[in-house]
Structures are given as structure tokens and as C-alpha cells.
Amino acid sequence: MKKKVNLLGTCGASGWRKELMNRIDLNKIDVFNPVVSDWTPKRENIEDKRKADPGRINLFVITPETPSLYSASEVTAASILEPQRTMICVLAEAGGKKFEKHEAEEWEKIKQDCKKSGAKICLDLDEVADILMGDDYGKI
């Protein structure tokens, strides 16, 4: 049976999804990438259904490329409601951008709060890939 993961978090032109997909075996993992050129209510509904699927891991990768505050809300809610299916990775630098000092400190606090709820916190995309490809996948 294939493992299943939703690639959530920073979207737009961010390259983290492609980087991660180059690190994993797509024959073994069913990846849902919600980033599309034409975001519609129908696409949002599809994403919401995938996020609610109890057989899927919700992976949130946050980078300095994200202009949205909604990511913080989404990450926090997921870690409280379903920590056993939530992985979080905050990249301090991506796409030639870095978090400002106060932003990095805020994300560090958010990660620690999410970890207390039981969400899996990853340091980088290599760790994410190792977990997704490893035997500990079901122990997130």
C-alpha cells in the first residue's frame, strides 16, 4: 500500500515541493500537490477533502517566501486537531529569501507549541524525505 502525503504550506513559485519530490520515491508515496495555476472553490474543496483523509499525512513546509499569515493558523490547527498526521518543517532560507529575525523567532515558538501537541517537527527537507521513505512513517 502506498504512503500518502499532502504537500501543504508555502505555495506560489516556491521550489520546496519539487526539491522534496526529487528526494522521495514517487512509486511508493502518493503525493497530493494542491498548487495549481487556477485556484478555484472546487480546488479548495479537493484540498480540504485530502487534508481530512485520515490515511494521509499533512506536511506543512513553511518558507520565507510565504506572504500569508494563514499558514500559521493552518499549522497550529492541524497540530492540535490531528497531531499524529501532522509534519511541520520551517525552512529559514528559500528562494533567495530569509526570515527576518522576529519572524524566525515566531516560527520557532509556533514549532515548539506544535511539538507539544504531538506534531512531528522536521529540521529540513532531507529529514522529511527520510521519514516519508522510512519505516517510521506510521509513527509520525
N, C-alpha and C. Protein backbone atom coordinates (compact mmCIF):
# COMPACT_ATOMS: atom_id res chain seq x y z
N MET A 1 0.84 -1.18 0.00
CA MET A 1 0.00 0.00 0.00
C MET A 1 0.89 1.25 0.00
N LYS A 2 0.56 2.20 -0.84
CA LYS A 2 1.33 3.44 -0.92
C LYS A 2 1.11 4.32 0.29
N LYS A 3 2.16 4.98 0.71
CA LYS A 3 2.04 6.01 1.73
C LYS A 3 1.42 7.22 1.05
N LYS A 4 0.76 8.08 1.81
CA LYS A 4 0.06 9.23 1.24
C LYS A 4 0.43 10.50 2.01
N VAL A 5 0.75 11.56 1.26
CA VAL A 5 1.13 12.81 1.90
C VAL A 5 0.58 13.99 1.10
N ASN A 6 0.10 14.99 1.83
CA ASN A 6 -0.35 16.26 1.26
C ASN A 6 0.77 17.28 1.42
N LEU A 7 1.13 17.95 0.34
CA LEU A 7 2.20 18.95 0.37
C LEU A 7 1.58 20.33 0.59
N LEU A 8 1.52 20.74 1.84
CA LEU A 8 0.85 21.97 2.23
C LEU A 8 1.86 23.01 2.70
N GLY A 9 1.42 24.22 2.90
CA GLY A 9 2.31 25.27 3.39
C GLY A 9 2.58 26.31 2.32
N THR A 10 3.81 26.79 2.27
CA THR A 10 4.19 27.83 1.32
C THR A 10 3.89 27.37 -0.10
N CYS A 11 3.21 28.23 -0.84
CA CYS A 11 2.89 27.88 -2.22
C CYS A 11 3.44 28.93 -3.17
N GLY A 12 2.75 29.20 -4.25
CA GLY A 12 3.26 30.14 -5.24
C GLY A 12 4.41 29.52 -5.99
N ALA A 13 5.44 30.30 -6.23
CA ALA A 13 6.58 29.85 -7.03
C ALA A 13 7.64 29.12 -6.20
N SER A 14 7.36 28.86 -4.94
CA SER A 14 8.34 28.19 -4.09
C SER A 14 8.73 26.84 -4.67
N GLY A 15 10.01 26.49 -4.58
CA GLY A 15 10.51 25.26 -5.16
C GLY A 15 10.62 24.08 -4.20
N TRP A 16 10.14 24.24 -2.96
CA TRP A 16 10.35 23.16 -1.99
C TRP A 16 9.64 21.87 -2.39
N ARG A 17 8.49 21.94 -3.03
CA ARG A 17 7.78 20.71 -3.41
C ARG A 17 8.60 19.90 -4.41
N LYS A 18 9.13 20.57 -5.42
CA LYS A 18 9.95 19.89 -6.41
C LYS A 18 11.19 19.29 -5.75
N GLU A 19 11.83 20.06 -4.87
CA GLU A 19 13.01 19.55 -4.16
C GLU A 19 12.68 18.28 -3.39
N LEU A 20 11.55 18.29 -2.67
CA LEU A 20 11.16 17.12 -1.88
C LEU A 20 10.83 15.94 -2.79
N MET A 21 10.09 16.19 -3.86
CA MET A 21 9.72 15.09 -4.75
C MET A 21 10.93 14.47 -5.42
N ASN A 22 12.02 15.22 -5.58
CA ASN A 22 13.26 14.67 -6.10
C ASN A 22 13.98 13.79 -5.08
N ARG A 23 13.60 13.89 -3.81
CA ARG A 23 14.26 13.14 -2.75
C ARG A 23 13.50 11.87 -2.36
N ILE A 24 12.28 11.70 -2.87
CA ILE A 24 11.48 10.54 -2.47
C ILE A 24 11.13 9.69 -3.69
N ASP A 25 10.73 8.45 -3.43
CA ASP A 25 10.31 7.53 -4.49
C ASP A 25 8.81 7.70 -4.70
N LEU A 26 8.45 8.34 -5.81
CA LEU A 26 7.04 8.62 -6.08
C LEU A 26 6.25 7.36 -6.43
N ASN A 27 6.94 6.24 -6.61
CA ASN A 27 6.25 4.97 -6.80
C ASN A 27 5.76 4.41 -5.47
N LYS A 28 6.32 4.91 -4.37
CA LYS A 28 5.96 4.42 -3.04
C LYS A 28 5.10 5.40 -2.25
N ILE A 29 5.03 6.64 -2.74
CA ILE A 29 4.30 7.67 -2.00
C ILE A 29 3.33 8.39 -2.93
N ASP A 30 2.08 8.42 -2.52
CA ASP A 30 1.05 9.17 -3.24
C ASP A 30 1.11 10.60 -2.75
N VAL A 31 1.56 11.50 -3.61
CA VAL A 31 1.75 12.90 -3.25
C VAL A 31 0.61 13.74 -3.81
N PHE A 32 -0.01 14.53 -2.93
CA PHE A 32 -1.01 15.49 -3.38
C PHE A 32 -0.40 16.87 -3.30
N ASN A 33 -0.25 17.50 -4.47
CA ASN A 33 0.28 18.85 -4.56
C ASN A 33 -0.89 19.77 -4.91
N PRO A 34 -1.34 20.60 -3.97
CA PRO A 34 -2.50 21.45 -4.23
C PRO A 34 -2.21 22.70 -5.07
N VAL A 35 -0.95 22.95 -5.38
CA VAL A 35 -0.61 24.17 -6.12
C VAL A 35 -0.99 24.00 -7.59
N VAL A 36 -1.88 24.87 -8.03
CA VAL A 36 -2.34 24.89 -9.42
C VAL A 36 -2.34 26.34 -9.90
N SER A 37 -2.35 26.52 -11.19
CA SER A 37 -2.32 27.88 -11.73
C SER A 37 -3.65 28.60 -11.56
N ASP A 38 -4.74 27.86 -11.48
CA ASP A 38 -6.07 28.46 -11.38
C ASP A 38 -6.77 27.98 -10.11
N TRP A 39 -6.61 28.71 -9.01
CA TRP A 39 -7.20 28.34 -7.72
C TRP A 39 -8.68 28.71 -7.73
N THR A 40 -9.53 27.71 -7.51
CA THR A 40 -10.97 27.91 -7.53
C THR A 40 -11.58 27.29 -6.28
N PRO A 41 -12.85 27.61 -5.99
CA PRO A 41 -13.51 26.96 -4.86
C PRO A 41 -13.53 25.43 -5.00
N LYS A 42 -13.63 24.93 -6.23
CA LYS A 42 -13.60 23.48 -6.44
C LYS A 42 -12.25 22.90 -6.03
N ARG A 43 -11.16 23.57 -6.39
CA ARG A 43 -9.82 23.11 -6.00
C ARG A 43 -9.64 23.17 -4.48
N GLU A 44 -10.18 24.23 -3.87
CA GLU A 44 -10.11 24.35 -2.41
C GLU A 44 -10.85 23.19 -1.75
N ASN A 45 -11.99 22.81 -2.29
CA ASN A 45 -12.77 21.69 -1.77
C ASN A 45 -11.99 20.38 -1.88
N ILE A 46 -11.31 20.19 -3.01
CA ILE A 46 -10.48 18.99 -3.19
C ILE A 46 -9.38 18.96 -2.14
N GLU A 47 -8.71 20.10 -1.94
CA GLU A 47 -7.65 20.16 -0.92
C GLU A 47 -8.20 19.85 0.46
N ASP A 48 -9.34 20.43 0.81
CA ASP A 48 -9.93 20.18 2.12
C ASP A 48 -10.25 18.70 2.33
N LYS A 49 -10.74 18.03 1.29
CA LYS A 49 -11.04 16.60 1.40
C LYS A 49 -9.77 15.80 1.60
N ARG A 50 -8.74 16.15 0.88
CA ARG A 50 -7.46 15.45 1.06
C ARG A 50 -6.90 15.66 2.46
N LYS A 51 -6.98 16.90 2.95
CA LYS A 51 -6.47 17.19 4.29
C LYS A 51 -7.24 16.42 5.36
N ALA A 52 -8.52 16.16 5.12
CA ALA A 52 -9.36 15.46 6.10
C ALA A 52 -9.22 13.94 6.04
N ASP A 53 -8.61 13.41 5.00
CA ASP A 53 -8.46 11.96 4.83
C ASP A 53 -7.55 11.41 5.92
N PRO A 54 -8.07 10.55 6.81
CA PRO A 54 -7.27 10.05 7.93
C PRO A 54 -6.08 9.19 7.52
N GLY A 55 -6.04 8.76 6.26
CA GLY A 55 -4.92 7.95 5.78
C GLY A 55 -3.79 8.76 5.19
N ARG A 56 -3.90 10.08 5.25
CA ARG A 56 -2.89 10.95 4.64
C ARG A 56 -2.15 11.75 5.71
N ILE A 57 -0.85 11.95 5.49
CA ILE A 57 -0.04 12.83 6.32
C ILE A 57 -0.18 14.24 5.77
N ASN A 58 -0.39 15.20 6.64
CA ASN A 58 -0.43 16.62 6.25
C ASN A 58 0.93 17.22 6.56
N LEU A 59 1.70 17.44 5.51
CA LEU A 59 3.04 18.03 5.63
C LEU A 59 2.95 19.51 5.32
N PHE A 60 3.37 20.31 6.26
CA PHE A 60 3.41 21.77 6.09
C PHE A 60 4.87 22.19 6.04
N VAL A 61 5.29 22.71 4.91
CA VAL A 61 6.63 23.28 4.78
C VAL A 61 6.44 24.78 4.63
N ILE A 62 7.04 25.51 5.55
CA ILE A 62 6.92 26.96 5.58
C ILE A 62 8.27 27.56 5.24
N THR A 63 8.26 28.52 4.31
CA THR A 63 9.50 29.18 3.92
C THR A 63 9.29 30.70 3.99
N PRO A 64 10.37 31.47 3.91
CA PRO A 64 10.24 32.93 3.91
C PRO A 64 9.53 33.47 2.67
N GLU A 65 9.25 32.61 1.72
CA GLU A 65 8.55 33.04 0.51
C GLU A 65 7.05 33.22 0.75
N THR A 66 6.57 32.77 1.90
CA THR A 66 5.14 32.82 2.16
C THR A 66 4.73 34.19 2.70
N PRO A 67 3.85 34.88 2.00
CA PRO A 67 3.39 36.18 2.49
C PRO A 67 2.16 36.05 3.39
N SER A 68 1.62 34.85 3.49
CA SER A 68 0.35 34.65 4.18
C SER A 68 0.51 34.32 5.65
N LEU A 69 -0.29 34.96 6.47
CA LEU A 69 -0.34 34.61 7.89
C LEU A 69 -1.18 33.36 8.12
N TYR A 70 -1.99 32.98 7.12
CA TYR A 70 -2.88 31.84 7.27
C TYR A 70 -2.10 30.55 7.53
N SER A 71 -0.89 30.45 7.04
CA SER A 71 -0.08 29.24 7.26
C SER A 71 0.11 28.98 8.75
N ALA A 72 0.31 30.02 9.52
CA ALA A 72 0.49 29.85 10.97
C ALA A 72 -0.77 29.27 11.60
N SER A 73 -1.92 29.75 11.17
CA SER A 73 -3.19 29.23 11.68
C SER A 73 -3.38 27.78 11.27
N GLU A 74 -3.12 27.49 10.01
CA GLU A 74 -3.32 26.14 9.48
C GLU A 74 -2.41 25.12 10.18
N VAL A 75 -1.16 25.47 10.37
CA VAL A 75 -0.19 24.60 11.04
C VAL A 75 -0.62 24.34 12.48
N THR A 76 -0.99 25.39 13.17
CA THR A 76 -1.38 25.27 14.57
C THR A 76 -2.64 24.43 14.72
N ALA A 77 -3.64 24.69 13.91
CA ALA A 77 -4.89 23.92 13.98
C ALA A 77 -4.64 22.44 13.72
N ALA A 78 -3.85 22.13 12.70
CA ALA A 78 -3.56 20.74 12.37
C ALA A 78 -2.85 20.04 13.52
N SER A 79 -1.91 20.74 14.16
CA SER A 79 -1.15 20.11 15.24
C SER A 79 -2.01 19.87 16.48
N ILE A 80 -3.04 20.67 16.66
CA ILE A 80 -3.94 20.48 17.79
C ILE A 80 -4.98 19.40 17.48
N LEU A 81 -5.57 19.47 16.28
CA LEU A 81 -6.67 18.58 15.93
C LEU A 81 -6.21 17.17 15.54
N GLU A 82 -5.09 17.06 14.84
CA GLU A 82 -4.61 15.75 14.39
C GLU A 82 -3.09 15.70 14.38
N PRO A 83 -2.49 15.79 15.56
CA PRO A 83 -1.03 15.82 15.61
C PRO A 83 -0.38 14.56 15.05
N GLN A 84 -1.06 13.43 15.13
CA GLN A 84 -0.50 12.17 14.65
C GLN A 84 -0.36 12.13 13.13
N ARG A 85 -1.01 13.06 12.43
CA ARG A 85 -0.93 13.13 10.96
C ARG A 85 -0.25 14.40 10.49
N THR A 86 0.38 15.14 11.40
CA THR A 86 0.94 16.45 11.05
C THR A 86 2.46 16.47 11.15
N MET A 87 3.08 16.88 10.03
CA MET A 87 4.53 17.11 9.99
C MET A 87 4.73 18.58 9.63
N ILE A 88 5.71 19.20 10.28
CA ILE A 88 5.99 20.61 10.04
C ILE A 88 7.48 20.79 9.83
N CYS A 89 7.81 21.54 8.79
CA CYS A 89 9.21 21.87 8.51
C CYS A 89 9.26 23.35 8.15
N VAL A 90 10.02 24.12 8.90
CA VAL A 90 10.18 25.54 8.62
C VAL A 90 11.60 25.76 8.13
N LEU A 91 11.69 26.22 6.88
CA LEU A 91 13.00 26.48 6.28
C LEU A 91 13.35 27.95 6.45
N ALA A 92 14.44 28.23 7.13
CA ALA A 92 14.83 29.61 7.42
C ALA A 92 15.19 30.39 6.17
N GLU A 93 15.59 29.67 5.12
CA GLU A 93 16.03 30.31 3.88
C GLU A 93 15.50 29.51 2.70
N ALA A 94 14.95 30.20 1.71
CA ALA A 94 14.46 29.53 0.49
C ALA A 94 14.22 30.57 -0.59
N GLY A 95 14.47 30.20 -1.81
CA GLY A 95 14.20 31.10 -2.92
C GLY A 95 14.93 32.42 -2.83
N GLY A 96 16.11 32.42 -2.20
CA GLY A 96 16.87 33.65 -2.05
C GLY A 96 16.35 34.58 -0.96
N LYS A 97 15.42 34.09 -0.16
CA LYS A 97 14.86 34.91 0.92
C LYS A 97 15.17 34.27 2.27
N LYS A 98 15.22 35.12 3.29
CA LYS A 98 15.41 34.67 4.68
C LYS A 98 14.33 35.29 5.54
N PHE A 99 13.96 34.57 6.60
CA PHE A 99 13.04 35.17 7.56
C PHE A 99 13.75 36.30 8.28
N GLU A 100 13.03 37.36 8.59
CA GLU A 100 13.54 38.39 9.48
C GLU A 100 13.72 37.75 10.86
N LYS A 101 14.56 38.33 11.68
CA LYS A 101 14.86 37.75 13.00
C LYS A 101 13.58 37.50 13.79
N HIS A 102 12.68 38.48 13.85
CA HIS A 102 11.45 38.31 14.63
C HIS A 102 10.55 37.22 14.03
N GLU A 103 10.54 37.08 12.71
CA GLU A 103 9.74 36.04 12.07
C GLU A 103 10.29 34.65 12.41
N ALA A 104 11.61 34.51 12.35
CA ALA A 104 12.24 33.23 12.69
C ALA A 104 11.94 32.86 14.14
N GLU A 105 11.99 33.84 15.03
CA GLU A 105 11.69 33.59 16.44
C GLU A 105 10.22 33.18 16.63
N GLU A 106 9.32 33.83 15.88
CA GLU A 106 7.90 33.48 15.98
C GLU A 106 7.64 32.07 15.48
N TRP A 107 8.27 31.70 14.36
CA TRP A 107 8.09 30.35 13.84
C TRP A 107 8.70 29.31 14.78
N GLU A 108 9.78 29.68 15.44
CA GLU A 108 10.37 28.76 16.41
C GLU A 108 9.38 28.49 17.55
N LYS A 109 8.72 29.53 18.03
CA LYS A 109 7.70 29.36 19.08
C LYS A 109 6.53 28.53 18.58
N ILE A 110 6.08 28.79 17.37
CA ILE A 110 4.97 28.02 16.80
C ILE A 110 5.35 26.55 16.70
N LYS A 111 6.57 26.27 16.22
CA LYS A 111 7.03 24.88 16.12
C LYS A 111 7.04 24.20 17.49
N GLN A 112 7.52 24.90 18.50
CA GLN A 112 7.58 24.31 19.84
C GLN A 112 6.17 24.03 20.37
N ASP A 113 5.25 24.95 20.14
CA ASP A 113 3.86 24.72 20.56
C ASP A 113 3.26 23.52 19.84
N CYS A 114 3.52 23.42 18.55
CA CYS A 114 3.00 22.29 17.76
C CYS A 114 3.62 20.98 18.22
N LYS A 115 4.89 21.01 18.56
CA LYS A 115 5.57 19.81 19.05
C LYS A 115 4.94 19.35 20.36
N LYS A 116 4.60 20.29 21.23
CA LYS A 116 3.94 19.94 22.50
C LYS A 116 2.61 19.23 22.25
N SER A 117 1.95 19.59 21.16
CA SER A 117 0.67 18.95 20.81
C SER A 117 0.88 17.56 20.23
N GLY A 118 2.09 17.26 19.81
CA GLY A 118 2.40 15.94 19.26
C GLY A 118 2.72 15.90 17.79
N ALA A 119 2.75 17.05 17.12
CA ALA A 119 3.11 17.09 15.70
C ALA A 119 4.59 16.77 15.55
N LYS A 120 4.94 16.20 14.41
CA LYS A 120 6.34 15.89 14.11
C LYS A 120 6.99 17.11 13.49
N ILE A 121 8.07 17.58 14.10
CA ILE A 121 8.80 18.74 13.62
C ILE A 121 10.08 18.25 12.93
N CYS A 122 10.30 18.70 11.70
CA CYS A 122 11.48 18.32 10.93
C CYS A 122 12.37 19.54 10.72
N LEU A 123 13.67 19.31 10.71
CA LEU A 123 14.62 20.41 10.56
C LEU A 123 14.81 20.84 9.11
N ASP A 124 14.68 19.90 8.17
CA ASP A 124 14.92 20.22 6.76
C ASP A 124 14.23 19.20 5.87
N LEU A 125 14.33 19.41 4.56
CA LEU A 125 13.66 18.51 3.61
C LEU A 125 14.30 17.13 3.59
N ASP A 126 15.59 17.02 3.91
CA ASP A 126 16.21 15.70 3.99
C ASP A 126 15.56 14.87 5.09
N GLU A 127 15.31 15.48 6.23
CA GLU A 127 14.66 14.76 7.33
C GLU A 127 13.23 14.38 6.95
N VAL A 128 12.52 15.28 6.28
CA VAL A 128 11.17 14.97 5.82
C VAL A 128 11.21 13.75 4.91
N ALA A 129 12.10 13.77 3.92
CA ALA A 129 12.21 12.65 2.98
C ALA A 129 12.57 11.36 3.68
N ASP A 130 13.50 11.41 4.63
CA ASP A 130 13.89 10.21 5.38
C ASP A 130 12.69 9.61 6.12
N ILE A 131 11.88 10.46 6.73
CA ILE A 131 10.71 9.97 7.45
C ILE A 131 9.69 9.38 6.48
N LEU A 132 9.43 10.09 5.40
CA LEU A 132 8.44 9.60 4.44
C LEU A 132 8.87 8.28 3.81
N MET A 133 10.15 8.11 3.56
CA MET A 133 10.64 6.90 2.92
C MET A 133 10.97 5.79 3.91
N GLY A 134 11.06 6.13 5.19
CA GLY A 134 11.49 5.16 6.19
C GLY A 134 10.36 4.36 6.81
N ASP A 135 10.76 3.49 7.70
CA ASP A 135 9.81 2.63 8.41
C ASP A 135 9.05 3.37 9.50
N ASP A 136 9.51 4.57 9.88
CA ASP A 136 8.85 5.33 10.93
C ASP A 136 7.68 6.14 10.41
N TYR A 137 7.36 6.02 9.13
CA TYR A 137 6.28 6.79 8.53
C TYR A 137 4.99 6.69 9.34
N GLY A 138 4.63 5.50 9.76
CA GLY A 138 3.39 5.30 10.51
C GLY A 138 3.45 5.78 11.95
N LYS A 139 4.63 6.23 12.38
CA LYS A 139 4.83 6.66 13.77
C LYS A 139 4.93 8.17 13.88
N ILE A 140 4.45 8.88 12.88
CA ILE A 140 4.54 10.34 12.89
C ILE A 140 3.66 10.83 14.00
